[in-house]
Amino acid sequence: MDRKFKRQEYARYKKLGDKWRKPRGRTSKMRRYEAGKPDMPAIGYGSPKASRNLHPSGYKDVLVHNMKELENLDPATEAARISSSIGNHKKVMMLEKASELGIKVLNK
């Protein structure tokens, strides 16, 4: 589960977004980790090293630009994401080849 850390006093002022910004005020209760105040990001909230930088499906996301790169993928651990610079005709050919090789394509 991803934890969403919000900016200090984001609910008080509409002009402040909820995107995380480190509190730097001298008397900031949040910066001093006082009880009842929102949590700040810390190293302990990180995800396990084995699942870091993986697609939610569990595969490693690999950007593919041509057929040769597609053929070099490992179907057990890697999933292809076809580059946006590939035209429709070649994309259809790559999708057929991927299904033939048993490779998962993330952007069909």
C-alpha atoms as a PDB file:
ATOM      1  CA  MET A   1       0.000   0.000   0.000  1.00  0.00           C
ATOM      2  CA  ASP A   2       1.361   3.393  -0.945  1.00  0.00           C
ATOM      3  CA  ARG A   3       1.317   6.011   1.765  1.00  0.00           C
ATOM      4  CA  LYS A   4       0.354   9.490   0.593  1.00  0.00           C
ATOM      5  CA  PHE A   5       2.310  12.138   2.497  1.00  0.00           C
ATOM      6  CA  LYS A   6       0.638  15.516   2.294  1.00  0.00           C
ATOM      7  CA  ARG A   7       2.059  19.005   2.596  1.00  0.00           C
ATOM      8  CA  GLN A   8       1.769  20.836   5.919  1.00  0.00           C
ATOM      9  CA  GLU A   9      -1.489  22.862   6.165  1.00  0.00           C
ATOM     10  CA  TYR A  10      -2.600  21.821   2.664  1.00  0.00           C
ATOM     11  CA  ALA A  11      -6.240  21.780   3.849  1.00  0.00           C
ATOM     12  CA  ARG A  12      -6.063  25.274   5.338  1.00  0.00           C
ATOM     13  CA  TYR A  13      -5.035  27.157   2.199  1.00  0.00           C
ATOM     14  CA  LYS A  14      -6.520  26.316  -1.174  1.00  0.00           C
ATOM     15  CA  LYS A  15      -3.511  27.711  -3.042  1.00  0.00           C
ATOM     16  CA  LEU A  16      -1.267  25.050  -1.479  1.00  0.00           C
ATOM     17  CA  GLY A  17      -1.371  21.740  -3.284  1.00  0.00           C
ATOM     18  CA  ASP A  18      -1.167  18.504  -1.327  1.00  0.00           C
ATOM     19  CA  LYS A  19       2.168  17.567  -2.970  1.00  0.00           C
ATOM     20  CA  TRP A  20       4.822  16.844  -0.345  1.00  0.00           C
ATOM     21  CA  ARG A  21       7.092  19.687   0.751  1.00  0.00           C
ATOM     22  CA  LYS A  22       9.366  19.385   3.781  1.00  0.00           C
ATOM     23  CA  PRO A  23       8.311  21.683   6.638  1.00  0.00           C
ATOM     24  CA  ARG A  24      11.149  24.088   7.464  1.00  0.00           C
ATOM     25  CA  GLY A  25       9.620  26.438  10.013  1.00  0.00           C
ATOM     26  CA  ARG A  26      11.427  26.940  13.292  1.00  0.00           C
ATOM     27  CA  THR A  27       8.312  26.225  15.383  1.00  0.00           C
ATOM     28  CA  SER A  28       6.707  23.709  13.024  1.00  0.00           C
ATOM     29  CA  LYS A  29       5.040  20.928  15.015  1.00  0.00           C
ATOM     30  CA  MET A  30       5.162  18.620  12.028  1.00  0.00           C
ATOM     31  CA  ARG A  31       8.919  19.132  11.594  1.00  0.00           C
ATOM     32  CA  ARG A  32       9.423  18.278  15.267  1.00  0.00           C
ATOM     33  CA  TYR A  33       7.404  15.038  14.901  1.00  0.00           C
ATOM     34  CA  GLU A  34       4.845  16.005  17.546  1.00  0.00           C
ATOM     35  CA  ALA A  35       2.062  13.544  18.276  1.00  0.00           C
ATOM     36  CA  GLY A  36      -1.188  14.140  16.432  1.00  0.00           C
ATOM     37  CA  LYS A  37       0.513  15.800  13.468  1.00  0.00           C
ATOM     38  CA  PRO A  38       0.852  14.174  10.027  1.00  0.00           C
ATOM     39  CA  ASP A  39       3.791  11.862   9.417  1.00  0.00           C
ATOM     40  CA  MET A  40       6.763  12.887   7.320  1.00  0.00           C
ATOM     41  CA  PRO A  41       8.402  10.545   4.801  1.00  0.00           C
ATOM     42  CA  ALA A  42      11.160   8.421   6.295  1.00  0.00           C
ATOM     43  CA  ILE A  43      13.371   5.586   5.112  1.00  0.00           C
ATOM     44  CA  GLY A  44      11.249   3.029   6.978  1.00  0.00           C
ATOM     45  CA  TYR A  45       8.247   3.608   4.716  1.00  0.00           C
ATOM     46  CA  GLY A  46      10.142   2.327   1.659  1.00  0.00           C
ATOM     47  CA  SER A  47       8.932  -0.710  -0.267  1.00  0.00           C
ATOM     48  CA  PRO A  48      10.875  -3.996  -0.184  1.00  0.00           C
ATOM     49  CA  LYS A  49      13.969  -3.996  -2.389  1.00  0.00           C
ATOM     50  CA  ALA A  50      12.755  -7.011  -4.383  1.00  0.00           C
ATOM     51  CA  SER A  51       9.532  -5.299  -5.500  1.00  0.00           C
ATOM     52  CA  ARG A  52      10.989  -1.831  -6.059  1.00  0.00           C
ATOM     53  CA  ASN A  53      10.806  -0.385  -9.605  1.00  0.00           C
ATOM     54  CA  LEU A  54       8.485  -3.162 -10.810  1.00  0.00           C
ATOM     55  CA  HIS A  55       5.180  -2.772 -12.642  1.00  0.00           C
ATOM     56  CA  PRO A  56       2.149  -3.595 -10.412  1.00  0.00           C
ATOM     57  CA  SER A  57       1.818  -6.850 -12.394  1.00  0.00           C
ATOM     58  CA  GLY A  58       5.204  -7.926 -10.976  1.00  0.00           C
ATOM     59  CA  TYR A  59       7.117  -7.693 -14.255  1.00  0.00           C
ATOM     60  CA  LYS A  60      10.066  -5.422 -15.000  1.00  0.00           C
ATOM     61  CA  ASP A  61       8.899  -2.678 -17.383  1.00  0.00           C
ATOM     62  CA  VAL A  62      11.105  -2.590 -20.521  1.00  0.00           C
ATOM     63  CA  LEU A  63      10.711   0.017 -23.264  1.00  0.00           C
ATOM     64  CA  VAL A  64      10.943  -1.648 -26.681  1.00  0.00           C
ATOM     65  CA  HIS A  65      11.843   0.221 -29.889  1.00  0.00           C
ATOM     66  CA  ASN A  66      12.220  -2.623 -32.400  1.00  0.00           C
ATOM     67  CA  MET A  67      11.711  -6.355 -33.013  1.00  0.00           C
ATOM     68  CA  LYS A  68      15.224  -7.289 -31.909  1.00  0.00           C
ATOM     69  CA  GLU A  69      14.699  -5.721 -28.464  1.00  0.00           C
ATOM     70  CA  LEU A  70      11.347  -7.537 -28.200  1.00  0.00           C
ATOM     71  CA  GLU A  71      12.945 -10.907 -28.980  1.00  0.00           C
ATOM     72  CA  ASN A  72      15.645 -10.373 -26.322  1.00  0.00           C
ATOM     73  CA  LEU A  73      13.109 -10.076 -23.466  1.00  0.00           C
ATOM     74  CA  ASP A  74      12.695 -12.756 -20.807  1.00  0.00           C
ATOM     75  CA  PRO A  75       8.948 -13.632 -20.721  1.00  0.00           C
ATOM     76  CA  ALA A  76       9.183 -14.839 -17.105  1.00  0.00           C
ATOM     77  CA  THR A  77      10.410 -11.572 -15.580  1.00  0.00           C
ATOM     78  CA  GLU A  78      10.051  -8.773 -18.157  1.00  0.00           C
ATOM     79  CA  ALA A  79       7.074  -7.105 -19.834  1.00  0.00           C
ATOM     80  CA  ALA A  80       7.299  -4.954 -22.959  1.00  0.00           C
ATOM     81  CA  ARG A  81       6.109  -1.389 -23.348  1.00  0.00           C
ATOM     82  CA  ILE A  82       6.105  -0.465 -27.042  1.00  0.00           C
ATOM     83  CA  SER A  83       7.638   2.943 -27.748  1.00  0.00           C
ATOM     84  CA  SER A  84       5.284   5.743 -28.798  1.00  0.00           C
ATOM     85  CA  SER A  85       7.479   6.435 -31.821  1.00  0.00           C
ATOM     86  CA  ILE A  86       6.448   3.076 -33.360  1.00  0.00           C
ATOM     87  CA  GLY A  87       3.807   3.364 -36.076  1.00  0.00           C
ATOM     88  CA  ASN A  88       0.541   1.417 -36.073  1.00  0.00           C
ATOM     89  CA  HIS A  89       1.592  -1.078 -38.784  1.00  0.00           C
ATOM     90  CA  LYS A  90       4.798  -2.091 -36.996  1.00  0.00           C
ATOM     91  CA  LYS A  91       3.023  -2.085 -33.617  1.00  0.00           C
ATOM     92  CA  VAL A  92       0.535  -4.693 -34.888  1.00  0.00           C
ATOM     93  CA  MET A  93       3.448  -6.843 -36.087  1.00  0.00           C
ATOM     94  CA  MET A  94       5.178  -6.479 -32.707  1.00  0.00           C
ATOM     95  CA  LEU A  95       2.000  -7.452 -30.830  1.00  0.00           C
ATOM     96  CA  GLU A  96       1.680 -10.620 -32.936  1.00  0.00           C
ATOM     97  CA  LYS A  97       5.331 -11.505 -32.292  1.00  0.00           C
ATOM     98  CA  ALA A  98       4.917 -10.844 -28.546  1.00  0.00           C
ATOM     99  CA  SER A  99       1.911 -13.163 -28.282  1.00  0.00           C
ATOM    100  CA  GLU A 100       3.877 -15.783 -30.248  1.00  0.00           C
ATOM    101  CA  LEU A 101       6.790 -15.515 -27.782  1.00  0.00           C
ATOM    102  CA  GLY A 102       4.497 -15.319 -24.726  1.00  0.00           C
ATOM    103  CA  ILE A 103       5.596 -11.808 -23.760  1.00  0.00           C
ATOM    104  CA  LYS A 104       3.210  -9.539 -21.886  1.00  0.00           C
ATOM    105  CA  VAL A 105       2.696  -6.118 -23.509  1.00  0.00           C
ATOM    106  CA  LEU A 106       1.702  -3.317 -21.129  1.00  0.00           C
ATOM    107  CA  ASN A 107       0.365  -0.811 -23.696  1.00  0.00           C
ATOM    108  CA  LYS A 108      -1.633  -2.720 -26.303  1.00  0.00           C
END
